[in-house]
C-alpha atoms as a PDB file:
ATOM      1  CA  MET A   1    -106.259  49.977-136.320  1.00  0.00           C
ATOM      2  CA  ALA A   2    -109.533  50.079-134.388  1.00  0.00           C
ATOM      3  CA  LEU A   3    -109.358  49.400-130.659  1.00  0.00           C
ATOM      4  CA  LEU A   4    -112.468  48.727-128.608  1.00  0.00           C
ATOM      5  CA  ASN A   5    -111.002  49.953-125.338  1.00  0.00           C
ATOM      6  CA  MET A   6    -113.584  48.508-122.963  1.00  0.00           C
ATOM      7  CA  ASN A   7    -112.574  48.701-119.305  1.00  0.00           C
ATOM      8  CA  ASP A   8    -109.403  50.519-120.455  1.00  0.00           C
ATOM      9  CA  TYR A   9    -107.936  47.240-121.705  1.00  0.00           C
ATOM     10  CA  TYR A  10    -105.890  48.947-124.437  1.00  0.00           C
ATOM     11  CA  THR A  11    -104.989  52.080-122.455  1.00  0.00           C
ATOM     12  CA  PRO A  12    -101.422  50.831-121.735  1.00  0.00           C
ATOM     13  CA  LEU A  13    -100.882  50.185-125.461  1.00  0.00           C
ATOM     14  CA  ILE A  14    -102.242  53.618-126.381  1.00  0.00           C
ATOM     15  CA  SER A  15     -99.957  55.196-123.763  1.00  0.00           C
ATOM     16  CA  LEU A  16     -96.963  53.295-125.145  1.00  0.00           C
ATOM     17  CA  ILE A  17     -97.696  54.504-128.657  1.00  0.00           C
ATOM     18  CA  SER A  18     -98.107  58.088-127.421  1.00  0.00           C
ATOM     19  CA  HIS A  19     -94.812  57.835-125.540  1.00  0.00           C
ATOM     20  CA  ALA A  20     -93.035  56.501-128.640  1.00  0.00           C
ATOM     21  CA  ILE A  21     -94.378  59.434-130.661  1.00  0.00           C
ATOM     22  CA  GLU A  22     -93.381  61.986-128.012  1.00  0.00           C
ATOM     23  CA  ALA A  23     -89.901  60.458-127.776  1.00  0.00           C
ATOM     24  CA  GLY A  24     -89.462  60.767-131.540  1.00  0.00           C
ATOM     25  CA  PHE A  25     -89.304  57.039-132.308  1.00  0.00           C
ATOM     26  CA  VAL A  26     -92.564  57.085-134.244  1.00  0.00           C
ATOM     27  CA  PRO A  27     -93.796  59.892-136.525  1.00  0.00           C
ATOM     28  CA  GLU A  28     -96.720  61.966-135.214  1.00  0.00           C
ATOM     29  CA  SER A  29     -98.643  61.116-138.385  1.00  0.00           C
ATOM     30  CA  ASN A  30     -98.845  57.486-137.279  1.00  0.00           C
ATOM     31  CA  ARG A  31    -101.255  58.510-134.517  1.00  0.00           C
ATOM     32  CA  ASN A  32    -103.885  58.839-137.256  1.00  0.00           C
ATOM     33  CA  PHE A  33    -103.774  55.087-137.865  1.00  0.00           C
ATOM     34  CA  ILE A  34    -105.417  54.378-134.507  1.00  0.00           C
ATOM     35  CA  ARG A  35    -109.101  54.737-133.775  1.00  0.00           C
ATOM     36  CA  GLU A  36    -110.110  54.099-130.179  1.00  0.00           C
ATOM     37  CA  ALA A  37    -113.387  54.163-128.272  1.00  0.00           C
ATOM     38  CA  GLN A  38    -114.940  52.511-125.243  1.00  0.00           C
ATOM     39  CA  ASP A  39    -118.334  52.175-126.907  1.00  0.00           C
ATOM     40  CA  PRO A  40    -118.821  49.838-129.903  1.00  0.00           C
ATOM     41  CA  ASP A  41    -121.198  52.229-131.693  1.00  0.00           C
ATOM     42  CA  GLU A  42    -118.773  55.127-131.264  1.00  0.00           C
ATOM     43  CA  LEU A  43    -115.925  53.026-132.641  1.00  0.00           C
ATOM     44  CA  LEU A  44    -118.001  52.052-135.666  1.00  0.00           C
ATOM     45  CA  GLU A  45    -118.702  55.743-136.268  1.00  0.00           C
ATOM     46  CA  LYS A  46    -114.981  56.537-136.068  1.00  0.00           C
ATOM     47  CA  ILE A  47    -114.113  53.945-138.698  1.00  0.00           C
ATOM     48  CA  GLY A  48    -116.968  54.919-141.000  1.00  0.00           C
ATOM     49  CA  LEU A  49    -119.245  51.942-140.415  1.00  0.00           C
ATOM     50  CA  GLY A  50    -121.719  53.470-137.977  1.00  0.00           C
ATOM     51  CA  LYS A  51    -125.259  54.725-138.421  1.00  0.00           C
ATOM     52  CA  ALA A  52    -124.082  58.078-139.811  1.00  0.00           C
ATOM     53  CA  ALA A  53    -122.371  56.206-142.687  1.00  0.00           C
ATOM     54  CA  GLU A  54    -125.637  54.641-143.845  1.00  0.00           C
END
């Protein structure tokens, strides 16, 4: 899942997921499914579609 977290829009969701992991409801490995950035170019890099991937 790729989240473009502009203006911290997805910060509450990211916090909820972190809390669920810390509480043991969700496996720690699931954290790897989330890529988050506030900059579109940075997010594209994180998911392998940015300039470095070319």
